[in-house]
Amino acid sequence: MEVEQTALPGIGLRHEFTTQGGRRVAVISHRSGRRDLVIYDKGDPDRACETVKLNDEEAEALVELLGAPRIVQRLNQLHQQVEGLVSVQLPVPSTSPYTGRPMGDARVRTRTGASVVAVVRGPQVVTSPGPDFVLAANDIVVVVGGADSTAEVADILAHG
């Protein structure tokens, strides 16, 4: 799917795409942080028939509803293509030596060969977190690798 990005001077950015059914949908990200979800008229693609203003919390909830299932779907497709590849969701226990520390301190990929592809924190999903991402108790770390390497990551998160 092609998503077009358009700068809106003095406002922010517009990202839009056309659905398979022919409807144009856009998200306008204002410089203030507000986001508008815009549905265009099917008969007149230049006329917005509905605009929903979203605050940060509402935008995050929508991302969670739409984004998390997509990540799982992509991982499942990858599993079907690569024999021996697994993904696991590992909780970060409050007793973990990495709670409150940057994820890079655990050196997961270096030590195990497995990759952290996302961290779920409450309703928020952080995809491809970098080494500076600070882990918190009860985060769910989504790890992709072999069965042995993902088990090693669970041990690292629990015991160091």
Protein backbone atom coordinates (compact mmCIF):
# COMPACT_ATOMS: atom_id res chain seq x y z
CA MET A 1 0.00 0.00 0.00
CA GLU A 2 1.27 3.43 -0.89
CA VAL A 3 1.03 6.16 1.75
CA GLU A 4 1.51 9.71 0.51
CA GLN A 5 3.09 12.27 2.82
CA THR A 6 2.37 15.95 2.30
CA ALA A 7 3.82 18.86 4.28
CA LEU A 8 1.16 21.32 5.39
CA PRO A 9 2.98 24.62 6.03
CA GLY A 10 2.15 26.05 9.43
CA ILE A 11 0.09 22.96 10.33
CA GLY A 12 2.15 19.78 10.17
CA LEU A 13 2.02 16.65 8.00
CA ARG A 14 -0.70 14.75 6.20
CA HIS A 15 -0.36 11.03 5.52
CA GLU A 16 -3.01 9.57 3.25
CA PHE A 17 -3.83 6.42 1.37
CA THR A 18 -6.67 4.95 -0.64
CA THR A 19 -8.38 1.85 0.70
CA GLN A 20 -9.07 -1.18 -1.43
CA GLY A 21 -12.70 -0.04 -1.52
CA GLY A 22 -11.69 3.29 -3.06
CA ARG A 23 -12.00 5.53 0.04
CA ARG A 24 -9.31 8.10 0.80
CA VAL A 25 -8.22 8.22 4.43
CA ALA A 26 -5.74 10.65 5.98
CA VAL A 27 -4.10 11.37 9.30
CA ILE A 28 -3.10 14.98 9.82
CA SER A 29 -0.39 15.36 12.47
CA HIS A 30 -0.45 18.92 13.74
CA ARG A 31 2.68 20.59 15.08
CA SER A 32 0.82 20.95 18.38
CA GLY A 33 0.66 17.14 18.70
CA ARG A 34 -3.04 16.82 17.88
CA ARG A 35 -4.00 14.36 15.18
CA ASP A 36 -7.03 14.39 12.91
CA LEU A 37 -8.38 11.27 11.24
CA VAL A 38 -10.01 12.35 7.97
CA ILE A 39 -12.34 10.29 5.78
CA TYR A 40 -12.91 11.74 2.32
CA ASP A 41 -16.12 11.58 0.33
CA LYS A 42 -16.07 8.62 -2.07
CA GLY A 43 -17.77 10.64 -4.82
CA ASP A 44 -15.57 13.73 -4.31
CA PRO A 45 -12.12 12.73 -3.05
CA ASP A 46 -11.25 16.37 -2.29
CA ARG A 47 -14.11 16.81 0.20
CA ALA A 48 -13.76 15.53 3.75
CA CYS A 49 -17.01 13.93 4.85
CA GLU A 50 -15.78 13.17 8.38
CA THR A 51 -12.97 14.50 10.58
CA VAL A 52 -12.26 13.06 14.01
CA LYS A 53 -9.94 15.07 16.27
CA LEU A 54 -7.78 12.83 18.48
CA ASN A 55 -5.79 13.80 21.56
CA ASP A 56 -2.56 11.94 22.38
CA GLU A 57 -4.30 9.28 24.48
CA GLU A 58 -6.93 8.62 21.81
CA ALA A 59 -4.30 8.45 19.05
CA GLU A 60 -2.24 5.95 21.11
CA ALA A 61 -5.35 3.82 21.71
CA LEU A 62 -6.08 3.77 17.97
CA VAL A 63 -2.47 2.81 17.21
CA GLU A 64 -2.69 0.00 19.75
CA LEU A 65 -5.93 -1.29 18.25
CA LEU A 66 -4.61 -1.19 14.70
CA GLY A 67 -0.88 -1.73 15.21
CA ALA A 68 -0.49 -4.63 17.62
CA PRO A 69 -2.50 -7.14 15.55
CA ARG A 70 -0.50 -6.11 12.47
CA ILE A 71 2.80 -6.86 14.22
CA VAL A 72 1.52 -10.28 15.27
CA GLN A 73 0.24 -10.94 11.75
CA ARG A 74 3.63 -10.10 10.22
CA LEU A 75 5.43 -12.34 12.70
CA ASN A 76 3.07 -15.20 11.96
CA GLN A 77 3.70 -14.79 8.23
CA LEU A 78 7.44 -14.82 8.87
CA HIS A 79 7.16 -18.02 10.93
CA GLN A 80 5.43 -19.75 8.05
CA GLN A 81 8.27 -18.76 5.72
CA VAL A 82 11.24 -19.64 7.94
CA GLU A 83 11.39 -23.04 9.59
CA GLY A 84 12.65 -22.97 13.19
CA LEU A 85 11.88 -19.29 13.74
CA VAL A 86 9.79 -18.52 16.81
CA SER A 87 8.57 -15.38 18.52
CA VAL A 88 7.88 -15.18 22.20
CA GLN A 89 6.47 -12.57 24.52
CA LEU A 90 8.60 -12.32 27.64
CA PRO A 91 7.58 -10.31 30.70
CA VAL A 92 10.21 -8.20 32.44
CA PRO A 93 9.89 -9.18 36.10
CA SER A 94 10.15 -6.45 38.72
CA THR A 95 13.16 -8.37 40.06
CA SER A 96 14.98 -8.27 36.70
CA PRO A 97 18.46 -6.76 36.88
CA TYR A 98 17.50 -4.79 33.74
CA THR A 99 14.42 -3.06 35.17
CA GLY A 100 15.06 0.68 34.94
CA ARG A 101 18.10 0.18 32.70
CA PRO A 102 18.61 0.67 28.96
CA MET A 103 17.83 -2.44 26.92
CA GLY A 104 21.31 -2.32 25.39
CA ASP A 105 22.80 -3.20 28.78
CA ALA A 106 21.34 -6.71 28.41
CA ARG A 107 23.20 -7.23 25.09
CA VAL A 108 20.47 -9.68 24.04
CA ARG A 109 21.39 -9.94 20.36
CA THR A 110 25.12 -10.24 21.05
CA ARG A 111 24.66 -12.89 23.73
CA THR A 112 21.91 -14.97 22.10
CA GLY A 113 21.49 -14.06 18.43
CA ALA A 114 17.79 -13.36 19.06
CA SER A 115 16.23 -9.98 18.22
CA VAL A 116 13.91 -7.79 20.26
CA VAL A 117 11.31 -6.60 17.75
CA ALA A 118 8.92 -4.80 20.09
CA VAL A 119 8.17 -3.90 23.68
CA VAL A 120 4.59 -3.68 24.92
CA ARG A 121 4.07 -1.33 27.84
CA GLY A 122 0.44 -1.16 28.87
CA PRO A 123 -1.51 0.00 25.82
CA GLN A 124 1.63 1.24 24.03
CA VAL A 125 3.65 -0.83 21.54
CA VAL A 126 7.20 0.30 20.81
CA THR A 127 8.44 -1.39 17.65
CA SER A 128 12.16 -1.90 17.05
CA PRO A 129 13.24 -0.34 20.36
CA GLY A 130 16.81 0.90 20.33
CA PRO A 131 19.52 0.14 22.88
CA ASP A 132 18.68 3.35 24.81
CA PHE A 133 15.09 2.19 25.44
CA VAL A 134 14.72 1.86 29.23
CA LEU A 135 12.98 -1.32 30.34
CA ALA A 136 10.32 -1.19 33.06
CA ALA A 137 8.83 -3.85 35.29
CA ASN A 138 5.95 -5.67 33.58
CA ASP A 139 7.02 -4.65 30.07
CA ILE A 140 6.41 -7.45 27.57
CA VAL A 141 9.44 -7.94 25.33
CA VAL A 142 8.66 -9.54 21.95
CA VAL A 143 11.65 -11.60 20.84
CA VAL A 144 12.27 -13.40 17.54
CA GLY A 145 14.87 -16.14 17.09
CA GLY A 146 15.34 -19.85 17.52
CA ALA A 147 13.78 -21.76 20.40
CA ASP A 148 17.07 -21.96 22.30
CA SER A 149 18.03 -18.32 21.78
CA THR A 150 14.63 -17.01 22.87
CA ALA A 151 14.82 -19.19 26.01
CA GLU A 152 18.22 -17.62 26.73
CA VAL A 153 16.65 -14.16 26.46
CA ALA A 154 14.03 -15.14 29.04
CA ASP A 155 16.84 -16.21 31.38
CA ILE A 156 18.74 -12.96 30.78
CA LEU A 157 15.67 -10.84 31.53
CA ALA A 158 14.96 -12.82 34.69
CA HIS A 159 18.47 -13.31 36.07
CA GLY A 160 20.98 -11.22 34.14
